[in-house]
C-alpha atoms as a PDB file:
ATOM      1  CA  MET A   1      92.449 138.558 -15.819  1.00  0.00           C
ATOM      2  CA  GLU A   2      90.329 135.790 -15.838  1.00  0.00           C
ATOM      3  CA  ASN A   3      86.832 136.026 -15.121  1.00  0.00           C
ATOM      4  CA  GLU A   4      85.956 134.292 -11.526  1.00  0.00           C
ATOM      5  CA  ASN A   5      82.672 132.697 -12.911  1.00  0.00           C
ATOM      6  CA  ILE A   6      83.787 130.801 -16.009  1.00  0.00           C
ATOM      7  CA  THR A   7      84.427 127.116 -15.388  1.00  0.00           C
ATOM      8  CA  PHE A   8      85.897 125.214 -17.261  1.00  0.00           C
ATOM      9  CA  TYR A   9      86.029 121.221 -18.722  1.00  0.00           C
ATOM     10  CA  ILE A  10      88.294 119.394 -20.220  1.00  0.00           C
ATOM     11  CA  TYR A  11      86.822 116.536 -22.109  1.00  0.00           C
ATOM     12  CA  ILE A  12      87.156 113.329 -23.843  1.00  0.00           C
ATOM     13  CA  LEU A  13      84.269 112.124 -26.059  1.00  0.00           C
ATOM     14  CA  ARG A  14      84.733 108.923 -27.466  1.00  0.00           C
ATOM     15  CA  CYS A  15      84.549 108.452 -31.260  1.00  0.00           C
ATOM     16  CA  GLU A  16      83.460 105.657 -34.020  1.00  0.00           C
ATOM     17  CA  ASN A  17      86.997 103.398 -34.082  1.00  0.00           C
ATOM     18  CA  ASN A  18      86.489 103.246 -30.396  1.00  0.00           C
ATOM     19  CA  ILE A  19      89.482 106.716 -31.397  1.00  0.00           C
ATOM     20  CA  LEU A  20      89.338 108.659 -28.237  1.00  0.00           C
ATOM     21  CA  TYR A  21      89.576 113.349 -28.990  1.00  0.00           C
ATOM     22  CA  THR A  22      89.911 115.443 -26.263  1.00  0.00           C
ATOM     23  CA  GLY A  23      89.069 119.018 -25.684  1.00  0.00           C
ATOM     24  CA  ILE A  24      88.396 121.802 -23.584  1.00  0.00           C
ATOM     25  CA  THR A  25      84.838 123.812 -23.298  1.00  0.00           C
ATOM     26  CA  THR A  26      83.667 126.370 -21.291  1.00  0.00           C
ATOM     27  CA  ASP A  27      79.959 123.974 -21.358  1.00  0.00           C
ATOM     28  CA  TYR A  28      80.580 120.865 -22.978  1.00  0.00           C
ATOM     29  CA  ILE A  29      77.191 120.280 -23.480  1.00  0.00           C
ATOM     30  CA  ARG A  30      76.198 122.521 -26.013  1.00  0.00           C
ATOM     31  CA  ARG A  31      80.427 121.772 -27.560  1.00  0.00           C
ATOM     32  CA  PHE A  32      79.167 117.696 -27.137  1.00  0.00           C
ATOM     33  CA  ASN A  33      76.363 118.852 -30.288  1.00  0.00           C
ATOM     34  CA  GLU A  34      79.061 120.930 -32.309  1.00  0.00           C
ATOM     35  CA  HIS A  35      80.700 117.615 -32.462  1.00  0.00           C
ATOM     36  CA  ILE A  36      77.571 115.703 -33.823  1.00  0.00           C
ATOM     37  CA  SER A  37      76.145 117.599 -35.865  1.00  0.00           C
ATOM     38  CA  LYS A  38      79.096 118.029 -37.020  1.00  0.00           C
ATOM     39  CA  SER A  39      78.241 122.152 -37.302  1.00  0.00           C
ATOM     40  CA  LYS A  40      81.067 124.552 -38.679  1.00  0.00           C
ATOM     41  CA  LYS A  41      81.909 125.052 -34.926  1.00  0.00           C
ATOM     42  CA  SER A  42      82.862 121.350 -34.615  1.00  0.00           C
ATOM     43  CA  ALA A  43      86.284 120.390 -34.452  1.00  0.00           C
ATOM     44  CA  LYS A  44      88.015 118.970 -37.949  1.00  0.00           C
ATOM     45  CA  PHE A  45      89.049 115.594 -35.999  1.00  0.00           C
ATOM     46  CA  THR A  46      84.856 115.026 -34.866  1.00  0.00           C
ATOM     47  CA  LYS A  47      84.203 115.671 -38.698  1.00  0.00           C
ATOM     48  CA  SER A  48      86.080 112.624 -39.655  1.00  0.00           C
ATOM     49  CA  HIS A  49      85.462 110.612 -36.480  1.00  0.00           C
ATOM     50  CA  ARG A  50      81.645 110.424 -35.255  1.00  0.00           C
ATOM     51  CA  ALA A  51      81.337 111.537 -32.306  1.00  0.00           C
ATOM     52  CA  GLU A  52      79.597 108.633 -29.655  1.00  0.00           C
ATOM     53  CA  LYS A  53      80.226 109.809 -26.303  1.00  0.00           C
ATOM     54  CA  ILE A  54      81.260 111.750 -23.322  1.00  0.00           C
ATOM     55  CA  VAL A  55      83.449 109.279 -21.155  1.00  0.00           C
ATOM     56  CA  ALA A  56      85.192 112.031 -18.375  1.00  0.00           C
ATOM     57  CA  ILE A  57      84.864 115.298 -17.849  1.00  0.00           C
ATOM     58  CA  TRP A  58      86.924 117.290 -14.804  1.00  0.00           C
ATOM     59  CA  LYS A  59      86.295 120.458 -14.807  1.00  0.00           C
ATOM     60  CA  THR A  60      89.240 123.812 -13.394  1.00  0.00           C
ATOM     61  CA  LYS A  61      88.612 127.484 -12.723  1.00  0.00           C
ATOM     62  CA  THR A  62      91.111 129.208 -15.122  1.00  0.00           C
ATOM     63  CA  ARG A  63      91.966 128.859 -18.961  1.00  0.00           C
ATOM     64  CA  SER A  64      95.265 128.390 -18.460  1.00  0.00           C
ATOM     65  CA  ASN A  65      94.714 125.414 -15.676  1.00  0.00           C
ATOM     66  CA  ALA A  66      92.415 124.304 -18.454  1.00  0.00           C
ATOM     67  CA  LEU A  67      95.195 123.994 -21.327  1.00  0.00           C
ATOM     68  CA  LYS A  68      97.874 122.363 -19.118  1.00  0.00           C
ATOM     69  CA  LEU A  69      95.937 119.276 -18.442  1.00  0.00           C
ATOM     70  CA  GLU A  70      94.493 119.179 -22.495  1.00  0.00           C
ATOM     71  CA  ALA A  71      97.815 119.557 -23.218  1.00  0.00           C
ATOM     72  CA  GLN A  72      99.015 116.300 -20.661  1.00  0.00           C
ATOM     73  CA  ILE A  73      96.249 113.713 -21.707  1.00  0.00           C
ATOM     74  CA  LYS A  74      96.728 114.231 -25.508  1.00  0.00           C
ATOM     75  CA  LYS A  75     100.253 113.092 -24.876  1.00  0.00           C
ATOM     76  CA  LEU A  76      99.074 109.790 -22.893  1.00  0.00           C
ATOM     77  CA  THR A  77      99.240 107.109 -24.575  1.00  0.00           C
ATOM     78  CA  LYS A  78      95.854 105.234 -25.692  1.00  0.00           C
ATOM     79  CA  ASN A  79      96.238 102.756 -23.748  1.00  0.00           C
ATOM     80  CA  GLU A  80      96.847 105.398 -20.532  1.00  0.00           C
ATOM     81  CA  LYS A  81      93.515 107.369 -21.599  1.00  0.00           C
ATOM     82  CA  GLU A  82      91.508 103.952 -20.731  1.00  0.00           C
ATOM     83  CA  LEU A  83      93.191 104.494 -17.972  1.00  0.00           C
ATOM     84  CA  LEU A  84      92.386 107.144 -16.729  1.00  0.00           C
ATOM     85  CA  ILE A  85      88.352 106.959 -17.984  1.00  0.00           C
ATOM     86  CA  GLU A  86      87.970 104.508 -15.889  1.00  0.00           C
ATOM     87  CA  SER A  87      89.818 105.627 -12.123  1.00  0.00           C
ATOM     88  CA  ASN A  88      90.114 108.126 -11.266  1.00  0.00           C
ATOM     89  CA  MET A  89      93.642 107.480  -9.970  1.00  0.00           C
ATOM     90  CA  TYR A  90      95.521 107.508 -12.788  1.00  0.00           C
ATOM     91  CA  PHE A  91      94.858 111.256 -12.302  1.00  0.00           C
ATOM     92  CA  ARG A  92      97.620 111.234  -9.885  1.00  0.00           C
ATOM     93  CA  ILE A  93      99.757 108.551 -10.767  1.00  0.00           C
ATOM     94  CA  TYR A  94      99.708 110.429 -14.129  1.00  0.00           C
ATOM     95  CA  PHE A  95      99.805 114.338 -13.422  1.00  0.00           C
ATOM     96  CA  SER A  96     101.401 114.931  -9.537  1.00  0.00           C
ATOM     97  CA  THR A  97     104.348 115.901 -10.503  1.00  0.00           C
ATOM     98  CA  LEU A  98     103.311 117.690 -13.342  1.00  0.00           C
ATOM     99  CA  PHE A  99     101.101 120.553 -11.682  1.00  0.00           C
ATOM    100  CA  ASP A 100      98.798 120.811  -8.866  1.00  0.00           C
ATOM    101  CA  CYS A 101      95.807 117.792  -9.198  1.00  0.00           C
ATOM    102  CA  ARG A 102      93.697 119.839  -6.116  1.00  0.00           C
ATOM    103  CA  LYS A 103      92.943 122.821  -8.787  1.00  0.00           C
ATOM    104  CA  TYR A 104      90.857 119.350 -10.631  1.00  0.00           C
ATOM    105  CA  ARG A 105      87.473 117.990 -10.166  1.00  0.00           C
ATOM    106  CA  ARG A 106      86.725 115.065 -11.983  1.00  0.00           C
ATOM    107  CA  MET A 107      82.936 114.914 -12.890  1.00  0.00           C
ATOM    108  CA  SER A 108      80.169 112.120 -12.687  1.00  0.00           C
ATOM    109  CA  ILE A 109      79.200 111.390 -16.386  1.00  0.00           C
END
């Protein structure tokens, strides 16, 4: 059973050359620092594509929910991801038929 006190974050990074990277974590500040430092814990992708900033973050209460959203975001086109970053309205447009959108909260950056 998952720990009720843990929050999971799904984030989108903007990397060099305007490339987008999506991931999940329980501590998005620590994770971003791992990406930019290119430490052993950073993603292989961000070791070769420098992370510049976090452009969107959602939070949810379970790892399962986080993995579902991450997988769906990764299926979007670059243009769809840009719309998702720009407006939370697209969150429901893209995902309301796939899962309960009420389980996710967009965070301010």
